[in-house]
Amino acid sequence: MSLECHYDDANQQLVLAGELTIYQVAKAKAAMADHAGAILNLAEIEDLDGAGLQLLLAARRDVGMRPGPLSAAAQAVLELAGLGEWVGKEA
């Protein structure tokens, strides 16, 4: 599996689909840098590992990405990591 990135102009969202893992973070990081401040749509993420999690935190801190829709897989990892602010719940 790979990672697909596309920007949804109508909703000002960077949509990531597939795997956000150590093997794909460079591609995701480049897309995030090109769309600083956008909403980050993770509704189509199928796998998220520690490297992907680190990238999400850095994107929020460094380029102002804002949390958007989440897949069940992304939500589970974020909750497990105690990052309730990404899923609208207290950690």
C-alpha atoms as a PDB file:
ATOM      1  CA  MET A   1       0.000   0.000   0.000  1.00  0.00           C
ATOM      2  CA  SER A   2       1.126   3.542  -0.531  1.00  0.00           C
ATOM      3  CA  LEU A   3       0.062   7.043   0.352  1.00  0.00           C
ATOM      4  CA  GLU A   4      -1.998   9.295  -1.880  1.00  0.00           C
ATOM      5  CA  CYS A   5      -2.075  13.061  -1.256  1.00  0.00           C
ATOM      6  CA  HIS A   6      -4.331  15.580  -2.918  1.00  0.00           C
ATOM      7  CA  TYR A   7      -5.550  19.043  -2.083  1.00  0.00           C
ATOM      8  CA  ASP A   8      -9.288  19.727  -2.049  1.00  0.00           C
ATOM      9  CA  ASP A   9      -9.552  23.416  -2.982  1.00  0.00           C
ATOM     10  CA  ALA A  10     -13.271  23.653  -2.264  1.00  0.00           C
ATOM     11  CA  ASN A  11     -12.831  22.593   1.376  1.00  0.00           C
ATOM     12  CA  GLN A  12      -9.249  23.787   1.875  1.00  0.00           C
ATOM     13  CA  GLN A  13      -8.227  20.293   2.950  1.00  0.00           C
ATOM     14  CA  LEU A  14      -5.156  18.202   2.331  1.00  0.00           C
ATOM     15  CA  VAL A  15      -6.526  14.680   1.930  1.00  0.00           C
ATOM     16  CA  LEU A  16      -4.241  11.768   2.784  1.00  0.00           C
ATOM     17  CA  ALA A  17      -5.286   8.235   1.846  1.00  0.00           C
ATOM     18  CA  GLY A  18      -3.593   4.892   2.433  1.00  0.00           C
ATOM     19  CA  GLU A  19      -0.665   4.377   4.779  1.00  0.00           C
ATOM     20  CA  LEU A  20       0.885   7.155   6.836  1.00  0.00           C
ATOM     21  CA  THR A  21       3.891   5.141   7.985  1.00  0.00           C
ATOM     22  CA  ILE A  22       7.649   5.501   8.159  1.00  0.00           C
ATOM     23  CA  TYR A  23       7.844   4.535   4.490  1.00  0.00           C
ATOM     24  CA  GLN A  24       5.528   7.358   3.415  1.00  0.00           C
ATOM     25  CA  VAL A  25       6.273  10.287   5.743  1.00  0.00           C
ATOM     26  CA  ALA A  26       8.617  12.059   3.303  1.00  0.00           C
ATOM     27  CA  LYS A  27       5.846  12.243   0.695  1.00  0.00           C
ATOM     28  CA  ALA A  28       3.307  13.431   3.272  1.00  0.00           C
ATOM     29  CA  LYS A  29       5.723  15.990   4.719  1.00  0.00           C
ATOM     30  CA  ALA A  30       6.280  17.561   1.297  1.00  0.00           C
ATOM     31  CA  ALA A  31       2.516  17.791   0.679  1.00  0.00           C
ATOM     32  CA  MET A  32       1.966  19.338   4.114  1.00  0.00           C
ATOM     33  CA  ALA A  33       4.657  21.954   3.509  1.00  0.00           C
ATOM     34  CA  ASP A  34       2.945  22.934   0.237  1.00  0.00           C
ATOM     35  CA  HIS A  35      -0.409  23.437   2.004  1.00  0.00           C
ATOM     36  CA  ALA A  36       0.490  25.030   5.336  1.00  0.00           C
ATOM     37  CA  GLY A  37      -2.502  26.009   7.435  1.00  0.00           C
ATOM     38  CA  ALA A  38      -4.924  23.678   5.655  1.00  0.00           C
ATOM     39  CA  ILE A  39      -7.238  21.173   7.281  1.00  0.00           C
ATOM     40  CA  LEU A  40      -5.701  17.723   7.387  1.00  0.00           C
ATOM     41  CA  ASN A  41      -8.230  15.137   6.249  1.00  0.00           C
ATOM     42  CA  LEU A  42      -7.281  11.641   7.460  1.00  0.00           C
ATOM     43  CA  ALA A  43     -10.630   9.976   6.729  1.00  0.00           C
ATOM     44  CA  GLU A  44      -9.025   7.599   4.239  1.00  0.00           C
ATOM     45  CA  ILE A  45      -5.959   6.590   6.286  1.00  0.00           C
ATOM     46  CA  GLU A  46      -5.740   2.812   6.633  1.00  0.00           C
ATOM     47  CA  ASP A  47      -2.539   2.565   8.695  1.00  0.00           C
ATOM     48  CA  LEU A  48      -0.764   5.017  10.978  1.00  0.00           C
ATOM     49  CA  ASP A  49       2.453   4.262  12.857  1.00  0.00           C
ATOM     50  CA  GLY A  50       4.748   6.177  15.213  1.00  0.00           C
ATOM     51  CA  ALA A  51       6.517   8.016  12.392  1.00  0.00           C
ATOM     52  CA  GLY A  52       3.178   9.127  10.959  1.00  0.00           C
ATOM     53  CA  LEU A  53       2.048  10.226  14.395  1.00  0.00           C
ATOM     54  CA  GLN A  54       5.202  12.304  14.847  1.00  0.00           C
ATOM     55  CA  LEU A  55       4.616  13.901  11.458  1.00  0.00           C
ATOM     56  CA  LEU A  56       1.053  14.867  12.401  1.00  0.00           C
ATOM     57  CA  LEU A  57       2.265  16.567  15.563  1.00  0.00           C
ATOM     58  CA  ALA A  58       5.053  18.373  13.716  1.00  0.00           C
ATOM     59  CA  ALA A  59       2.676  19.481  10.962  1.00  0.00           C
ATOM     60  CA  ARG A  60       0.341  20.974  13.519  1.00  0.00           C
ATOM     61  CA  ARG A  61       3.166  22.735  15.327  1.00  0.00           C
ATOM     62  CA  ASP A  62       5.363  23.782  12.393  1.00  0.00           C
ATOM     63  CA  VAL A  63       3.008  24.504   9.484  1.00  0.00           C
ATOM     64  CA  GLY A  64      -0.303  25.105  11.251  1.00  0.00           C
ATOM     65  CA  MET A  65      -2.181  22.081   9.907  1.00  0.00           C
ATOM     66  CA  ARG A  66      -5.602  21.785  11.509  1.00  0.00           C
ATOM     67  CA  PRO A  67      -7.264  18.467  12.411  1.00  0.00           C
ATOM     68  CA  GLY A  68     -10.049  17.300  10.142  1.00  0.00           C
ATOM     69  CA  PRO A  69     -11.958  14.080   9.476  1.00  0.00           C
ATOM     70  CA  LEU A  70     -10.368  10.859  10.765  1.00  0.00           C
ATOM     71  CA  SER A  71     -10.593   7.229   9.766  1.00  0.00           C
ATOM     72  CA  ALA A  72     -11.225   4.646  12.467  1.00  0.00           C
ATOM     73  CA  ALA A  73      -7.584   3.544  12.186  1.00  0.00           C
ATOM     74  CA  ALA A  74      -6.250   7.084  12.659  1.00  0.00           C
ATOM     75  CA  GLN A  75      -8.667   7.782  15.504  1.00  0.00           C
ATOM     76  CA  ALA A  76      -7.630   4.593  17.330  1.00  0.00           C
ATOM     77  CA  VAL A  77      -3.917   5.450  17.158  1.00  0.00           C
ATOM     78  CA  LEU A  78      -4.472   9.050  18.254  1.00  0.00           C
ATOM     79  CA  GLU A  79      -6.611   7.958  21.192  1.00  0.00           C
ATOM     80  CA  LEU A  80      -4.064   5.303  22.170  1.00  0.00           C
ATOM     81  CA  ALA A  81      -1.353   7.966  22.149  1.00  0.00           C
ATOM     82  CA  GLY A  82      -3.447  10.201  24.425  1.00  0.00           C
ATOM     83  CA  LEU A  83      -3.973  12.844  21.756  1.00  0.00           C
ATOM     84  CA  GLY A  84      -7.646  13.465  22.371  1.00  0.00           C
ATOM     85  CA  GLU A  85      -7.460  17.002  21.009  1.00  0.00           C
ATOM     86  CA  TRP A  86      -7.133  15.488  17.525  1.00  0.00           C
ATOM     87  CA  VAL A  87     -10.333  13.497  17.946  1.00  0.00           C
ATOM     88  CA  GLY A  88     -12.356  15.989  19.942  1.00  0.00           C
ATOM     89  CA  LYS A  89     -11.960  14.170  23.236  1.00  0.00           C
ATOM     90  CA  GLU A  90      -9.970  15.002  26.318  1.00  0.00           C
ATOM     91  CA  ALA A  91      -6.790  12.984  26.664  1.00  0.00           C
END
